[in-house]
Protein backbone atom coordinates (compact mmCIF):
# COMPACT_ATOMS: atom_id res chain seq x y z
CA MET A 1 -79.42 56.61 187.06
CA ASN A 2 -82.62 56.34 189.13
CA TRP A 3 -83.89 52.79 187.81
CA VAL A 4 -87.19 52.63 189.76
CA SER A 5 -87.98 56.28 188.46
CA LEU A 6 -87.48 54.97 185.29
CA PHE A 7 -89.46 51.72 185.14
CA SER A 8 -92.04 53.76 186.88
CA LYS A 9 -92.32 56.02 183.89
CA LYS A 10 -92.17 53.16 181.30
CA LEU A 11 -94.74 51.44 183.45
CA LEU A 12 -97.20 54.67 183.56
CA THR A 13 -96.58 55.51 179.64
CA PHE A 14 -97.61 51.76 179.01
CA SER A 15 -100.69 51.78 181.43
CA ILE A 16 -101.83 55.12 179.61
CA THR A 17 -101.40 53.63 176.04
CA ALA A 18 -103.15 50.31 177.28
CA ILE A 19 -106.04 52.48 178.51
CA VAL A 20 -106.44 54.24 175.43
CA CYS A 21 -106.02 51.16 173.56
CA SER A 22 -108.66 49.34 175.51
CA THR A 23 -110.88 52.38 175.46
CA ALA A 24 -110.90 52.34 171.43
CA VAL A 25 -111.56 48.84 171.05
CA PHE A 26 -115.21 49.36 172.66
CA ALA A 27 -117.00 51.36 170.06
CA GLU A 28 -120.12 53.90 171.40
CA THR A 29 -123.53 52.90 170.60
CA THR A 30 -126.22 55.88 169.73
CA VAL A 31 -130.05 55.07 169.14
CA ILE A 32 -131.55 58.08 167.69
CA THR A 33 -135.54 57.91 167.84
CA ALA A 34 -138.06 59.68 166.01
CA ASP A 35 -142.22 59.72 165.29
CA ARG A 36 -140.98 59.15 161.40
CA MET A 37 -138.23 58.67 159.55
CA VAL A 38 -137.75 58.63 155.48
CA ASP A 39 -136.76 55.39 153.78
CA VAL A 40 -135.05 57.31 150.78
CA ALA A 41 -134.16 53.81 149.42
CA ASN A 42 -137.35 52.38 149.04
CA GLY A 43 -139.72 56.09 148.73
CA LYS A 44 -141.50 55.41 152.26
CA VAL A 45 -141.80 56.67 155.46
CA VAL A 46 -141.33 54.75 158.46
CA LYS A 47 -143.14 55.66 161.89
CA GLN A 48 -141.64 55.24 165.26
CA ALA A 49 -138.40 55.03 163.85
CA ALA A 50 -135.02 54.38 165.10
CA VAL A 51 -131.47 54.49 163.75
CA ILE A 52 -128.33 52.52 165.41
CA VAL A 53 -125.16 54.29 165.00
CA ASN A 54 -121.97 52.84 166.41
CA ASP A 55 -119.11 54.98 166.34
CA ASN A 56 -119.75 56.41 162.57
CA ILE A 57 -121.29 53.75 160.93
CA ILE A 58 -125.47 52.94 160.99
CA THR A 59 -125.75 49.49 162.20
CA ALA A 60 -129.55 49.22 161.94
CA SER A 61 -132.54 51.36 160.90
CA GLY A 62 -136.21 51.22 160.82
CA ARG A 63 -139.10 50.64 163.31
CA LEU A 64 -138.02 50.87 167.07
CA LYS A 65 -139.97 47.89 167.72
CA ASP A 66 -138.32 45.76 165.17
CA LEU A 67 -134.43 46.70 166.26
CA THR A 68 -132.59 45.26 169.14
CA VAL A 69 -131.12 47.82 171.45
CA PRO A 70 -127.82 47.37 173.01
CA ASN A 71 -128.57 48.39 176.75
CA GLU A 72 -125.37 50.67 177.14
CA ALA A 73 -126.48 52.36 173.84
CA THR A 74 -126.89 56.49 174.39
CA ARG A 75 -130.68 57.24 173.51
CA ILE A 76 -131.31 60.45 171.68
CA ASP A 77 -135.31 61.21 171.76
CA LEU A 78 -136.01 63.98 169.04
CA GLY A 79 -139.90 62.93 169.68
CA ASN A 80 -142.47 64.55 167.09
CA ALA A 81 -139.75 65.02 164.33
CA THR A 82 -138.76 63.40 160.92
CA LEU A 83 -135.35 61.40 160.42
CA MET A 84 -133.75 61.56 157.31
CA PRO A 85 -130.12 60.93 155.76
CA GLY A 86 -127.77 64.05 155.95
CA LEU A 87 -128.69 66.64 153.05
CA MET A 88 -126.67 66.68 150.02
CA ASP A 89 -126.14 69.87 147.64
CA MET A 90 -124.42 69.04 144.13
CA HIS A 91 -124.28 72.54 143.55
CA VAL A 92 -122.33 75.34 145.93
CA HIS A 93 -119.78 78.01 145.88
CA LEU A 94 -118.56 78.01 149.21
CA THR A 95 -115.70 80.62 148.67
CA SER A 96 -118.20 83.06 146.99
CA ASP A 97 -120.36 85.49 148.74
CA ALA A 98 -123.72 86.66 148.28
CA THR A 99 -123.66 90.12 148.89
CA ARG A 100 -120.94 90.73 146.38
CA HIS A 101 -121.73 90.38 142.25
CA GLY A 102 -120.41 91.98 139.42
CA TYR A 103 -117.71 94.28 139.91
CA LYS A 104 -117.73 93.96 144.01
CA ARG A 105 -116.10 90.57 143.37
CA LEU A 106 -113.10 92.37 142.13
CA GLU A 107 -112.73 93.65 145.38
CA VAL A 108 -112.19 90.05 147.17
CA SER A 109 -108.60 88.95 147.44
CA LEU A 110 -108.21 85.00 147.10
CA PRO A 111 -107.34 84.62 150.77
CA ARG A 112 -110.51 86.73 151.94
CA ALA A 113 -112.29 84.28 150.06
CA ALA A 114 -111.05 81.25 151.52
CA ILE A 115 -111.62 82.62 155.08
CA THR A 116 -115.23 83.04 154.12
CA GLY A 117 -115.71 79.84 152.91
CA VAL A 118 -115.03 78.83 156.35
CA LYS A 119 -118.03 80.68 157.60
CA HIS A 120 -119.89 79.19 154.40
CA ALA A 121 -119.31 76.07 155.24
CA LYS A 122 -120.39 76.04 158.95
CA ALA A 123 -123.65 77.58 157.66
CA THR A 124 -124.08 75.10 155.22
CA LEU A 125 -123.41 72.17 157.70
CA ASP A 126 -125.94 73.97 160.29
CA ALA A 127 -128.77 73.81 157.68
CA GLY A 128 -128.21 70.08 157.37
CA PHE A 129 -126.20 69.60 154.08
CA THR A 130 -123.39 67.12 155.33
CA THR A 131 -122.28 66.67 151.96
CA VAL A 132 -121.97 69.01 149.02
CA ARG A 133 -120.15 69.45 145.47
CA ASN A 134 -118.43 72.31 145.07
CA VAL A 135 -118.55 73.33 141.44
CA GLY A 136 -115.99 76.00 141.14
CA ALA A 137 -113.35 78.34 143.01
CA PRO A 138 -110.56 80.01 142.28
CA GLY A 139 -106.99 79.19 143.41
CA PHE A 140 -108.08 75.77 144.72
CA ALA A 141 -109.59 77.48 147.86
CA ASP A 142 -112.09 74.82 147.88
CA VAL A 143 -109.39 72.25 147.87
CA ALA A 144 -107.85 74.11 150.85
CA LEU A 145 -111.43 74.04 152.79
CA ARG A 146 -112.27 70.63 152.26
CA ASP A 147 -108.53 69.53 153.64
CA ALA A 148 -109.20 71.50 156.99
CA ILE A 149 -112.65 70.50 157.21
CA ASN A 150 -111.25 66.86 157.02
CA ALA A 151 -108.22 67.56 159.44
CA GLY A 152 -110.74 68.82 162.11
CA ASP A 153 -109.30 72.43 161.60
CA VAL A 154 -112.59 73.83 160.69
CA VAL A 155 -116.21 72.85 160.82
CA GLY A 156 -118.13 72.11 157.57
CA PRO A 157 -119.56 69.75 155.37
CA ARG A 158 -117.83 66.84 153.17
CA MET A 159 -116.78 68.17 150.16
CA PHE A 160 -116.10 66.86 146.75
CA VAL A 161 -114.22 69.80 145.04
CA ALA A 162 -113.84 70.97 141.19
CA GLY A 163 -111.18 73.71 141.81
CA PRO A 164 -111.34 76.31 139.14
CA SER A 165 -114.28 76.10 136.72
CA LEU A 166 -113.05 75.14 132.98
CA GLY A 167 -114.18 77.60 130.20
CA VAL A 168 -113.51 79.10 126.75
CA THR A 169 -112.13 82.52 125.90
CA GLY A 170 -114.54 85.30 126.92
CA GLY A 171 -116.79 82.80 127.93
CA HIS A 172 -119.22 82.30 131.38
CA CYS A 173 -115.79 80.79 132.95
CA ASP A 174 -113.64 83.48 132.23
CA SER A 175 -113.26 86.70 134.05
CA ASN A 176 -114.92 89.29 131.50
CA LEU A 177 -115.28 92.68 133.73
CA LEU A 178 -111.96 94.45 133.33
CA PRO A 179 -110.45 95.68 129.86
CA TYR A 180 -107.70 94.64 127.20
CA GLU A 181 -105.30 96.27 128.90
CA TYR A 182 -105.24 94.44 131.90
CA ASP A 183 -104.99 91.06 129.95
CA ASN A 184 -107.17 89.55 132.85
CA TYR A 185 -108.41 85.56 132.43
CA SER A 186 -109.37 83.30 134.43
CA GLU A 187 -107.43 80.12 135.77
CA GLY A 188 -109.92 77.57 134.05
CA VAL A 189 -109.63 79.19 130.68
CA ALA A 190 -108.58 76.75 128.10
CA ASP A 191 -109.39 76.53 124.26
CA GLY A 192 -109.03 73.13 121.85
CA PRO A 193 -109.20 69.63 123.02
CA TRP A 194 -105.65 69.18 124.24
CA GLU A 195 -105.64 72.37 126.04
CA VAL A 196 -108.88 71.21 128.22
CA ARG A 197 -107.15 67.97 128.80
CA LYS A 198 -104.28 69.80 130.44
CA LYS A 199 -106.56 71.52 132.30
CA VAL A 200 -108.16 68.70 133.54
CA ARG A 201 -105.04 67.04 134.50
CA ARG A 202 -103.73 70.48 136.71
CA ASN A 203 -107.16 70.18 138.52
CA ILE A 204 -106.63 66.88 139.52
CA LYS A 205 -102.76 67.59 140.20
CA TYR A 206 -104.00 70.10 142.83
CA GLY A 207 -106.87 68.06 144.57
CA ALA A 208 -109.95 68.47 142.41
CA THR A 209 -112.40 65.32 143.04
CA VAL A 210 -114.73 66.53 140.28
CA ILE A 211 -114.61 68.58 137.13
CA LYS A 212 -116.47 71.05 136.15
CA PHE A 213 -116.85 73.16 132.84
CA CYS A 214 -119.23 75.60 131.07
CA ALA A 215 -120.70 74.39 128.28
CA THR A 216 -122.70 77.72 127.28
CA GLY A 217 -123.08 81.45 128.49
CA GLY A 218 -124.33 82.21 131.58
CA VAL A 219 -126.58 84.69 133.73
CA LEU A 220 -124.06 86.79 135.97
CA SER A 221 -121.07 86.66 133.41
CA LYS A 222 -120.79 90.03 131.43
CA GLY A 223 -120.94 89.90 127.50
CA THR A 224 -122.30 86.21 127.22
CA LYS A 225 -125.28 84.69 125.81
CA VAL A 226 -127.06 82.69 128.13
CA GLY A 227 -128.51 80.30 125.31
CA ALA A 228 -125.23 79.97 123.55
CA GLN A 229 -123.09 77.24 123.13
CA GLN A 230 -119.28 77.74 123.93
CA TYR A 231 -117.26 74.66 123.82
CA THR A 232 -117.54 72.50 120.51
CA PHE A 233 -118.14 68.89 121.42
CA GLU A 234 -114.76 67.79 120.43
CA GLU A 235 -113.53 70.00 123.39
CA MET A 236 -116.30 68.82 125.46
CA LYS A 237 -115.66 65.08 124.47
CA ALA A 238 -111.62 65.31 124.94
CA LEU A 239 -112.40 67.08 128.47
CA ILE A 240 -114.87 64.18 129.86
CA ASP A 241 -112.86 61.96 128.52
CA GLU A 242 -109.83 62.87 129.91
CA ALA A 243 -111.78 63.29 133.50
CA HIS A 244 -113.64 59.90 133.20
CA LEU A 245 -109.95 58.18 132.42
CA ARG A 246 -109.04 59.45 135.71
CA GLY A 247 -112.26 58.18 137.76
CA LEU A 248 -113.98 61.99 138.30
CA THR A 249 -117.16 62.63 137.48
CA VAL A 250 -118.21 65.92 135.28
CA ALA A 251 -120.34 68.69 135.65
CA THR A 252 -121.41 71.44 132.89
CA HIS A 253 -123.11 74.94 133.48
CA ALA A 254 -125.30 74.77 130.50
CA HIS A 255 -128.28 77.06 129.77
CA GLY A 256 -128.78 76.79 126.32
CA THR A 257 -130.35 73.78 124.47
CA ASN A 258 -127.39 73.01 122.04
CA GLY A 259 -125.17 72.98 124.80
CA ILE A 260 -127.11 70.69 126.86
CA LYS A 261 -127.46 68.16 124.07
CA ALA A 262 -123.93 68.34 123.30
CA ALA A 263 -122.77 68.01 127.01
CA ILE A 264 -124.90 64.67 127.33
CA LYS A 265 -123.71 63.14 123.94
CA ALA A 266 -120.27 64.01 125.07
CA GLY A 267 -120.62 62.24 128.31
CA VAL A 268 -121.08 64.24 130.90
CA ASP A 269 -122.43 63.08 134.31
CA SER A 270 -124.41 66.19 135.21
CA VAL A 271 -125.86 69.22 133.67
CA GLU A 272 -126.42 72.65 135.94
CA HIS A 273 -128.94 74.99 135.44
CA VAL A 274 -130.76 73.28 132.29
CA SER A 275 -132.46 76.72 131.86
CA LEU A 276 -133.79 76.12 127.82
CA LEU A 277 -134.70 72.83 127.48
CA ASP A 278 -135.97 70.39 124.34
CA ASP A 279 -137.84 67.03 123.88
CA GLU A 280 -134.33 65.69 122.37
CA ALA A 281 -132.43 67.02 125.19
CA ILE A 282 -134.64 65.19 127.93
CA ASP A 283 -134.79 61.94 125.70
CA LEU A 284 -131.02 62.27 125.80
CA ALA A 285 -130.75 62.55 129.20
CA LYS A 286 -132.56 59.66 129.78
CA LYS A 287 -131.48 57.44 127.54
CA ASN A 288 -127.56 58.30 128.98
CA GLY A 289 -128.57 58.41 132.57
CA THR A 290 -127.31 62.25 133.23
CA TYR A 291 -128.43 64.50 136.02
CA PHE A 292 -130.06 67.27 135.91
CA SER A 293 -129.38 70.17 138.64
CA MET A 294 -131.60 72.77 138.71
CA ASP A 295 -131.48 75.81 140.89
CA ILE A 296 -134.91 76.99 140.79
CA TYR A 297 -134.83 79.05 143.78
CA VAL A 298 -132.13 81.17 142.97
CA THR A 299 -133.66 83.81 140.39
CA GLU A 300 -136.24 84.86 143.55
CA TYR A 301 -132.95 86.30 145.00
CA ILE A 302 -131.53 87.83 141.90
CA LEU A 303 -134.40 89.30 141.21
CA GLY A 304 -135.17 90.38 144.53
CA GLU A 305 -132.18 91.36 145.99
CA GLY A 306 -129.49 91.04 143.05
CA GLU A 307 -129.51 94.83 142.31
CA LYS A 308 -128.26 95.63 145.75
CA ALA A 309 -125.58 93.00 145.78
CA GLY A 310 -124.08 94.17 142.84
CA ILE A 311 -125.53 92.22 140.35
CA LEU A 312 -125.19 93.81 136.94
CA GLU A 313 -128.54 94.92 135.06
CA GLU A 314 -127.11 92.55 131.94
CA SER A 315 -127.46 89.84 134.44
CA LEU A 316 -130.66 90.89 135.89
CA ASN A 317 -132.42 91.17 132.07
CA LYS A 318 -131.10 87.50 131.46
CA GLU A 319 -132.14 86.11 134.85
CA ARG A 320 -135.85 87.59 133.60
CA ILE A 321 -135.87 85.79 130.54
CA VAL A 322 -134.63 82.34 131.76
CA GLY A 323 -136.12 82.08 135.26
CA LYS A 324 -139.51 81.28 134.38
CA THR A 325 -138.37 79.22 131.63
CA GLN A 326 -136.27 77.11 133.68
CA ARG A 327 -138.89 76.40 136.20
CA GLU A 328 -141.14 75.23 133.38
CA ASN A 329 -138.44 73.01 132.11
CA PHE A 330 -137.95 71.52 135.68
CA GLU A 331 -141.77 70.23 135.77
CA LYS A 332 -141.35 68.86 132.18
CA ALA A 333 -138.01 67.03 133.16
CA VAL A 334 -139.48 65.30 136.29
CA LYS A 335 -142.38 64.25 134.36
CA ALA A 336 -140.53 62.60 131.88
CA GLY A 337 -138.19 60.64 134.62
CA VAL A 338 -134.96 62.44 134.13
CA ASN A 339 -132.46 62.02 137.00
CA MET A 340 -132.58 65.02 139.31
CA VAL A 341 -130.37 65.90 141.94
CA PHE A 342 -130.53 68.96 144.25
CA GLY A 343 -128.58 71.99 143.24
CA SER A 344 -129.06 75.47 144.80
CA ASP A 345 -126.25 77.40 143.30
CA ALA A 346 -125.73 78.51 146.62
CA GLY A 347 -123.09 81.39 147.28
CA VAL A 348 -125.15 83.25 144.22
CA TYR A 349 -127.73 83.54 147.37
CA PRO A 350 -126.73 83.03 150.79
CA HIS A 351 -125.39 79.79 152.43
CA GLY A 352 -127.09 78.31 154.91
CA ASP A 353 -130.80 79.44 152.72
CA ASN A 354 -130.15 76.13 150.96
CA PRO A 355 -133.28 74.59 151.98
CA LYS A 356 -135.84 77.19 150.38
CA GLN A 357 -135.33 75.26 147.31
CA PHE A 358 -137.62 72.42 148.65
CA ALA A 359 -140.84 73.91 148.46
CA ARG A 360 -139.95 74.92 144.90
CA MET A 361 -139.07 71.83 143.96
CA VAL A 362 -142.45 70.45 144.86
CA LYS A 363 -144.35 73.62 143.68
CA PHE A 364 -142.73 72.80 140.59
CA GLY A 365 -143.71 69.11 139.71
CA MET A 366 -141.96 67.16 142.35
CA THR A 367 -143.61 65.00 145.22
CA PRO A 368 -142.00 65.26 148.65
CA ILE A 369 -140.68 61.96 148.92
CA GLN A 370 -138.94 62.95 145.16
CA ALA A 371 -137.94 66.25 146.54
CA ILE A 372 -135.98 64.40 149.31
CA GLN A 373 -134.24 61.57 147.23
CA ALA A 374 -133.07 64.57 144.82
CA ALA A 375 -130.79 65.68 147.84
CA THR A 376 -129.95 62.07 149.45
CA ILE A 377 -129.97 58.85 147.52
CA ASN A 378 -129.37 60.44 144.07
CA PRO A 379 -126.66 62.72 144.44
CA ALA A 380 -125.04 59.57 146.17
CA ARG A 381 -125.61 57.56 143.12
CA LEU A 382 -124.39 60.64 140.98
CA LEU A 383 -121.05 60.90 142.71
CA LYS A 384 -120.76 56.96 142.98
CA GLN A 385 -120.97 56.93 147.06
CA GLU A 386 -123.65 55.21 147.27
CA ALA A 387 -121.89 52.14 149.14
CA THR A 388 -121.54 54.56 152.08
CA LEU A 389 -123.80 58.33 151.95
CA GLY A 390 -127.07 59.28 150.47
CA SER A 391 -129.43 56.80 152.64
CA LEU A 392 -130.16 55.59 156.56
CA GLU A 393 -129.17 51.94 155.44
CA LYS A 394 -127.05 49.65 157.55
CA GLY A 395 -123.03 49.70 156.35
CA LYS A 396 -123.76 53.61 155.50
CA LEU A 397 -121.54 56.57 157.01
CA ALA A 398 -123.47 58.13 159.84
CA ASP A 399 -125.09 61.29 158.20
CA ILE A 400 -128.27 62.31 159.91
CA VAL A 401 -130.60 65.23 160.13
CA ALA A 402 -133.76 65.63 161.60
CA VAL A 403 -136.47 68.48 161.11
CA PRO A 404 -139.76 68.70 163.40
CA GLY A 405 -142.59 67.93 162.17
CA ASN A 406 -143.55 65.96 159.21
CA PRO A 407 -142.12 67.83 156.02
CA LEU A 408 -144.06 65.51 153.35
CA ASP A 409 -147.25 67.77 154.55
CA ASP A 410 -145.03 71.09 154.56
CA MET A 411 -142.19 71.04 152.78
CA SER A 412 -140.88 74.75 154.27
CA LEU A 413 -140.01 72.36 157.34
CA MET A 414 -136.83 71.70 155.78
CA GLU A 415 -136.02 75.14 156.59
CA LYS A 416 -135.95 74.40 160.06
CA VAL A 417 -133.40 71.81 160.85
CA GLY A 418 -133.03 70.83 164.32
CA PHE A 419 -130.51 68.02 164.77
CA VAL A 420 -127.47 67.05 162.59
CA MET A 421 -124.83 64.36 162.67
CA LYS A 422 -122.04 64.15 160.53
CA ASP A 423 -119.79 60.90 160.47
CA GLY A 424 -121.43 59.83 163.89
CA GLN A 425 -120.43 63.28 165.21
CA ILE A 426 -123.53 65.42 166.52
CA VAL A 427 -122.73 69.21 165.04
CA LYS A 428 -126.24 70.54 166.21
CA GLN A 429 -129.05 69.81 167.98
CA TYR A 430 -131.81 72.19 169.28
CA ALA A 431 -135.18 71.23 170.77
CA MET A 432 -138.00 70.12 168.50
């Protein structure tokens, strides 16, 4: 045996290991500057702003002149741009294709949906959404997509995932397109308090980090009345209690007033869509701290492009009825001070177009700051992630986006995100 050669190999291995370890000790520091920054925690704009990032953690933010910037820091000057936290969309379906609705969806296999989700994840992240809540996907395809993103196999946002949505037999979350002889049901169908508890447990077993159920009929489901309550209060209470027992938050699809109120009384964390509303429902939401996630842009896509995408005439008629009312109720909820989060329902319309909703949120009652807070600090609180996400404060994960100019003067600029950093890594940087 050549002991010199063996010793040399061991020494080389040790030296390489030492270099790698010593490199890891010294964190990389980056300072990002821009003409302004949205301080979502305090609801104000900071001028001549900077955010200092050490590896993947924000170590300081504020006015550049008030910060101590390390000499060795990498500097990124974005000029006439506005910095803000990574955006958060609380209602997406990344594995759903906006060009395939109604009977067209029967053509899509589960593997094909999962692969399509990869494309949609990248488009969503490029649009500035560094975190999403995926509220429903068949076969736990969203769990697989989340895990692939976390492993670095594909590029996409941080995902909180629901797996299959829970619903009653023949309800909005069931599969109602095929006749009786096919005996076709969605995998999230569960009837009765103990059955819904079992489905919650099953979803958690296979990787869900949030639970989503359907409290009322829906626009895009065949044979359901959009305002009709589906689950009973007892079923909702059992479902929500089971999820809360395991530390998960719960979202409910609910268009109809009775279903909305029953879900809030049962302890739901957020209500999705919220089309039909009365004063009692608003008061209950305020009293219980419930969040509303109202997709007030999607009606434009459904009525404009829906027929071509395969949306049934029955569904188009339902949207014509509830779309205008939903926007009116959005304005009422905002004025009343209900907790609001950004929820686009992307998947019904094209992924990456999520930011188009910002301008509508301002048009129908929000201030620009409120709209940005609805997509940053408010979702972080809903998900109980405010210690690490939702603002550009010291100690938070470095999820940072920038848009050209000042979106507080023109909210359509939110559709032109030019810089995206997720978890300390730059994933998009265009000249602004």
